[in-house]
N, C-alpha and C. Protein backbone atom coordinates (compact mmCIF):
# COMPACT_ATOMS: atom_id res chain seq x y z
N MET A 1 18.47 15.41 -30.30
CA MET A 1 18.11 14.26 -29.48
C MET A 1 17.93 13.01 -30.34
N GLY A 2 18.48 13.02 -31.52
CA GLY A 2 18.35 11.88 -32.39
C GLY A 2 19.07 10.65 -31.85
N ASP A 3 20.07 10.85 -31.02
CA ASP A 3 20.83 9.73 -30.45
C ASP A 3 20.27 9.27 -29.12
N PHE A 4 19.17 9.81 -28.72
CA PHE A 4 18.56 9.46 -27.42
C PHE A 4 17.85 8.12 -27.53
N THR A 5 18.29 7.15 -26.74
CA THR A 5 17.63 5.85 -26.72
C THR A 5 17.31 5.49 -25.28
N VAL A 6 16.28 4.73 -25.11
CA VAL A 6 15.85 4.31 -23.78
C VAL A 6 15.83 2.79 -23.75
N ASN A 7 16.46 2.23 -22.74
CA ASN A 7 16.46 0.78 -22.57
C ASN A 7 15.26 0.43 -21.69
N PHE A 8 14.13 0.16 -22.34
CA PHE A 8 12.90 -0.13 -21.60
C PHE A 8 13.03 -1.39 -20.76
N GLU A 9 13.77 -2.35 -21.26
CA GLU A 9 13.96 -3.59 -20.51
C GLU A 9 14.66 -3.31 -19.18
N ALA A 10 15.68 -2.45 -19.21
CA ALA A 10 16.39 -2.11 -17.98
C ALA A 10 15.49 -1.34 -17.02
N LEU A 11 14.69 -0.42 -17.56
CA LEU A 11 13.77 0.33 -16.71
C LEU A 11 12.72 -0.59 -16.09
N GLU A 12 12.20 -1.51 -16.88
CA GLU A 12 11.21 -2.47 -16.36
C GLU A 12 11.83 -3.35 -15.27
N GLN A 13 13.07 -3.77 -15.50
CA GLN A 13 13.74 -4.60 -14.50
C GLN A 13 13.96 -3.81 -13.21
N CYS A 14 14.33 -2.56 -13.35
CA CYS A 14 14.52 -1.69 -12.18
C CYS A 14 13.20 -1.55 -11.41
N ARG A 15 12.13 -1.29 -12.14
CA ARG A 15 10.82 -1.14 -11.50
C ARG A 15 10.40 -2.43 -10.80
N THR A 16 10.63 -3.55 -11.45
CA THR A 16 10.27 -4.85 -10.87
C THR A 16 11.07 -5.11 -9.60
N GLU A 17 12.37 -4.82 -9.65
CA GLU A 17 13.22 -5.03 -8.47
C GLU A 17 12.77 -4.14 -7.31
N LEU A 18 12.47 -2.89 -7.62
CA LEU A 18 12.01 -1.97 -6.57
C LEU A 18 10.71 -2.46 -5.95
N SER A 19 9.78 -2.86 -6.80
CA SER A 19 8.50 -3.36 -6.29
C SER A 19 8.68 -4.61 -5.46
N GLY A 20 9.62 -5.45 -5.86
CA GLY A 20 9.87 -6.69 -5.13
C GLY A 20 10.55 -6.49 -3.80
N GLN A 21 11.20 -5.35 -3.61
CA GLN A 21 11.90 -5.09 -2.36
C GLN A 21 11.06 -4.32 -1.34
N ALA A 22 10.04 -3.65 -1.79
CA ALA A 22 9.23 -2.82 -0.88
C ALA A 22 8.57 -3.66 0.21
N GLY A 23 7.97 -4.77 -0.16
CA GLY A 23 7.30 -5.63 0.83
C GLY A 23 8.26 -6.22 1.85
N PRO A 24 9.35 -6.86 1.39
CA PRO A 24 10.31 -7.40 2.36
C PRO A 24 10.92 -6.33 3.26
N MET A 25 11.12 -5.14 2.71
CA MET A 25 11.68 -4.07 3.54
C MET A 25 10.70 -3.72 4.66
N ALA A 26 9.44 -3.58 4.32
CA ALA A 26 8.43 -3.25 5.34
C ALA A 26 8.33 -4.37 6.36
N ALA A 27 8.45 -5.61 5.92
CA ALA A 27 8.34 -6.75 6.84
C ALA A 27 9.56 -6.89 7.74
N ALA A 28 10.66 -6.25 7.37
CA ALA A 28 11.88 -6.36 8.17
C ALA A 28 11.68 -5.81 9.59
N ALA A 29 10.79 -4.87 9.74
CA ALA A 29 10.54 -4.29 11.06
C ALA A 29 9.71 -5.21 11.95
N ASP A 30 9.07 -6.20 11.36
CA ASP A 30 8.19 -7.07 12.14
C ASP A 30 8.93 -7.87 13.21
N GLY A 31 10.20 -8.16 12.98
CA GLY A 31 10.94 -8.98 13.93
C GLY A 31 11.65 -8.19 15.02
N LEU A 32 11.48 -6.89 15.02
CA LEU A 32 12.15 -6.08 16.04
C LEU A 32 11.49 -6.28 17.40
N PRO A 33 12.30 -6.27 18.46
CA PRO A 33 11.72 -6.44 19.80
C PRO A 33 10.84 -5.24 20.16
N ALA A 34 9.74 -5.52 20.82
CA ALA A 34 8.83 -4.45 21.26
C ALA A 34 8.37 -4.78 22.67
N GLY A 35 8.23 -3.78 23.47
CA GLY A 35 7.75 -3.98 24.83
C GLY A 35 8.70 -4.78 25.69
N VAL A 36 10.00 -4.56 25.50
CA VAL A 36 11.00 -5.26 26.30
C VAL A 36 10.91 -4.76 27.74
N SER A 37 10.85 -5.67 28.67
CA SER A 37 10.74 -5.28 30.09
C SER A 37 12.11 -5.38 30.75
N ALA A 38 12.23 -4.72 31.90
CA ALA A 38 13.48 -4.75 32.66
C ALA A 38 13.83 -6.18 33.05
N GLY A 39 12.82 -7.00 33.29
CA GLY A 39 13.04 -8.39 33.67
C GLY A 39 13.77 -9.19 32.60
N SER A 40 13.74 -8.71 31.38
CA SER A 40 14.44 -9.40 30.30
C SER A 40 15.95 -9.42 30.52
N PHE A 41 16.42 -8.50 31.35
CA PHE A 41 17.86 -8.38 31.59
C PHE A 41 18.26 -8.87 32.98
N GLY A 42 17.36 -9.58 33.60
CA GLY A 42 17.68 -10.17 34.91
C GLY A 42 17.79 -9.12 36.00
N ASP A 43 18.77 -9.31 36.85
CA ASP A 43 18.93 -8.44 38.02
C ASP A 43 19.95 -7.33 37.81
N LEU A 44 20.20 -6.95 36.60
CA LEU A 44 21.15 -5.88 36.34
C LEU A 44 20.65 -4.57 36.94
N ASP A 45 21.58 -3.80 37.49
CA ASP A 45 21.20 -2.52 38.10
C ASP A 45 20.54 -1.57 37.10
N GLY A 46 21.01 -1.56 35.90
CA GLY A 46 20.48 -0.64 34.89
C GLY A 46 19.46 -1.30 33.97
N ALA A 47 18.81 -2.37 34.42
CA ALA A 47 17.90 -3.12 33.56
C ALA A 47 16.76 -2.27 33.02
N ALA A 48 16.19 -1.42 33.86
CA ALA A 48 15.06 -0.59 33.41
C ALA A 48 15.51 0.38 32.33
N GLY A 49 16.65 1.02 32.54
CA GLY A 49 17.18 1.95 31.55
C GLY A 49 17.54 1.25 30.25
N LEU A 50 18.11 0.06 30.38
CA LEU A 50 18.48 -0.71 29.20
C LEU A 50 17.23 -1.12 28.41
N ALA A 51 16.21 -1.55 29.12
CA ALA A 51 14.95 -1.93 28.46
C ALA A 51 14.34 -0.73 27.74
N ASP A 52 14.36 0.42 28.39
CA ASP A 52 13.83 1.63 27.76
C ASP A 52 14.63 1.98 26.50
N ALA A 53 15.95 1.83 26.58
CA ALA A 53 16.80 2.13 25.43
C ALA A 53 16.53 1.17 24.28
N VAL A 54 16.38 -0.11 24.59
CA VAL A 54 16.09 -1.11 23.55
C VAL A 54 14.75 -0.80 22.90
N ASN A 55 13.75 -0.45 23.69
CA ASN A 55 12.43 -0.14 23.14
C ASN A 55 12.48 1.11 22.26
N ALA A 56 13.20 2.14 22.71
CA ALA A 56 13.31 3.37 21.92
C ALA A 56 14.06 3.10 20.62
N PHE A 57 15.13 2.32 20.71
CA PHE A 57 15.90 1.98 19.52
C PHE A 57 15.05 1.18 18.53
N SER A 58 14.35 0.19 19.02
CA SER A 58 13.50 -0.63 18.15
C SER A 58 12.44 0.20 17.46
N GLU A 59 11.85 1.12 18.20
CA GLU A 59 10.82 1.98 17.62
C GLU A 59 11.42 2.88 16.53
N ALA A 60 12.59 3.46 16.82
CA ALA A 60 13.23 4.34 15.84
C ALA A 60 13.63 3.58 14.58
N VAL A 61 14.18 2.39 14.76
CA VAL A 61 14.57 1.58 13.61
C VAL A 61 13.32 1.18 12.80
N GLY A 62 12.25 0.84 13.49
CA GLY A 62 11.00 0.49 12.81
C GLY A 62 10.48 1.63 11.96
N VAL A 63 10.55 2.84 12.49
CA VAL A 63 10.09 4.02 11.74
C VAL A 63 10.95 4.20 10.49
N GLU A 64 12.26 4.06 10.63
CA GLU A 64 13.15 4.22 9.48
C GLU A 64 12.94 3.13 8.44
N ILE A 65 12.72 1.91 8.88
CA ILE A 65 12.46 0.81 7.94
C ILE A 65 11.16 1.06 7.19
N ASP A 66 10.14 1.54 7.90
CA ASP A 66 8.87 1.87 7.24
C ASP A 66 9.07 2.95 6.18
N LYS A 67 9.86 3.97 6.52
CA LYS A 67 10.15 5.04 5.56
C LYS A 67 10.87 4.49 4.34
N ALA A 68 11.82 3.60 4.57
CA ALA A 68 12.56 3.01 3.45
C ALA A 68 11.63 2.23 2.53
N GLY A 69 10.71 1.47 3.11
CA GLY A 69 9.73 0.72 2.31
C GLY A 69 8.85 1.65 1.49
N GLU A 70 8.44 2.76 2.11
CA GLU A 70 7.62 3.75 1.39
C GLU A 70 8.40 4.37 0.24
N ARG A 71 9.67 4.67 0.49
CA ARG A 71 10.51 5.27 -0.56
C ARG A 71 10.70 4.31 -1.73
N LEU A 72 10.91 3.04 -1.43
CA LEU A 72 11.05 2.06 -2.50
C LEU A 72 9.79 2.02 -3.36
N THR A 73 8.64 2.06 -2.71
CA THR A 73 7.37 2.07 -3.44
C THR A 73 7.26 3.33 -4.30
N GLN A 74 7.60 4.47 -3.72
CA GLN A 74 7.52 5.74 -4.46
C GLN A 74 8.45 5.76 -5.66
N VAL A 75 9.66 5.25 -5.48
CA VAL A 75 10.61 5.23 -6.60
C VAL A 75 10.11 4.28 -7.69
N GLY A 76 9.54 3.15 -7.30
CA GLY A 76 8.98 2.23 -8.28
C GLY A 76 7.88 2.87 -9.09
N VAL A 77 7.02 3.63 -8.43
CA VAL A 77 5.94 4.34 -9.12
C VAL A 77 6.52 5.41 -10.05
N ALA A 78 7.57 6.09 -9.60
CA ALA A 78 8.20 7.12 -10.43
C ALA A 78 8.85 6.51 -11.67
N VAL A 79 9.52 5.38 -11.51
CA VAL A 79 10.13 4.71 -12.67
C VAL A 79 9.04 4.28 -13.65
N GLU A 80 7.94 3.78 -13.14
CA GLU A 80 6.83 3.39 -14.01
C GLU A 80 6.28 4.60 -14.77
N ALA A 81 6.21 5.75 -14.10
CA ALA A 81 5.74 6.97 -14.75
C ALA A 81 6.70 7.39 -15.87
N VAL A 82 7.99 7.24 -15.63
CA VAL A 82 8.98 7.56 -16.67
C VAL A 82 8.79 6.64 -17.87
N ILE A 83 8.64 5.35 -17.60
CA ILE A 83 8.43 4.39 -18.69
C ILE A 83 7.19 4.76 -19.50
N ASP A 84 6.09 5.03 -18.81
CA ASP A 84 4.84 5.37 -19.50
C ASP A 84 4.98 6.66 -20.31
N SER A 85 5.66 7.65 -19.73
CA SER A 85 5.82 8.93 -20.40
C SER A 85 6.67 8.80 -21.66
N VAL A 86 7.78 8.09 -21.55
CA VAL A 86 8.66 7.94 -22.71
C VAL A 86 7.97 7.11 -23.80
N ARG A 87 7.30 6.05 -23.39
CA ARG A 87 6.57 5.24 -24.39
C ARG A 87 5.48 6.08 -25.08
N GLY A 88 4.76 6.86 -24.28
CA GLY A 88 3.72 7.72 -24.85
C GLY A 88 4.29 8.72 -25.83
N THR A 89 5.42 9.31 -25.48
CA THR A 89 6.07 10.27 -26.37
C THR A 89 6.53 9.58 -27.65
N ASP A 90 7.12 8.41 -27.51
CA ASP A 90 7.55 7.65 -28.69
C ASP A 90 6.37 7.34 -29.61
N GLN A 91 5.27 6.90 -29.03
CA GLN A 91 4.08 6.56 -29.83
C GLN A 91 3.52 7.80 -30.53
N HIS A 92 3.52 8.92 -29.82
CA HIS A 92 3.04 10.17 -30.40
C HIS A 92 3.94 10.57 -31.58
N ASN A 93 5.24 10.46 -31.38
CA ASN A 93 6.18 10.84 -32.45
C ASN A 93 6.01 9.94 -33.68
N VAL A 94 5.78 8.67 -33.46
CA VAL A 94 5.55 7.76 -34.59
C VAL A 94 4.29 8.17 -35.34
N ARG A 95 3.23 8.50 -34.61
CA ARG A 95 1.98 8.92 -35.26
C ARG A 95 2.19 10.21 -36.06
N CYS A 96 2.99 11.11 -35.51
CA CYS A 96 3.24 12.38 -36.21
C CYS A 96 4.07 12.18 -37.48
N LEU A 97 4.92 11.18 -37.48
CA LEU A 97 5.79 10.95 -38.63
C LEU A 97 5.19 9.99 -39.65
N THR A 98 4.07 9.37 -39.31
CA THR A 98 3.42 8.43 -40.22
C THR A 98 2.52 9.21 -41.18
N PRO A 99 2.71 8.99 -42.48
CA PRO A 99 1.85 9.71 -43.44
C PRO A 99 0.39 9.31 -43.28
N ALA A 100 -0.48 10.27 -43.47
CA ALA A 100 -1.92 10.02 -43.32
C ALA A 100 -2.50 9.28 -44.47
């Protein structure tokens, strides 16, 4: 493993990007329509069914967007753990190789 190198700058940038996307991803669901009524579609014969479908779709999309935001946060935490672990291992190895 002598040729093993880690680009900490790239890992930090990845973690920063992930952290920066989690909030906007979660906020993306805020603009979804909720509580759409049949009256929103005027006098269409299927207005009630259409309103129900829009509400169900919006709810399902909101759930998926929330999951995506959570995953982004989890991946960011995992990348940070990798960074910390590799840095800790490097520091330990330096201490072991440094004469007393």
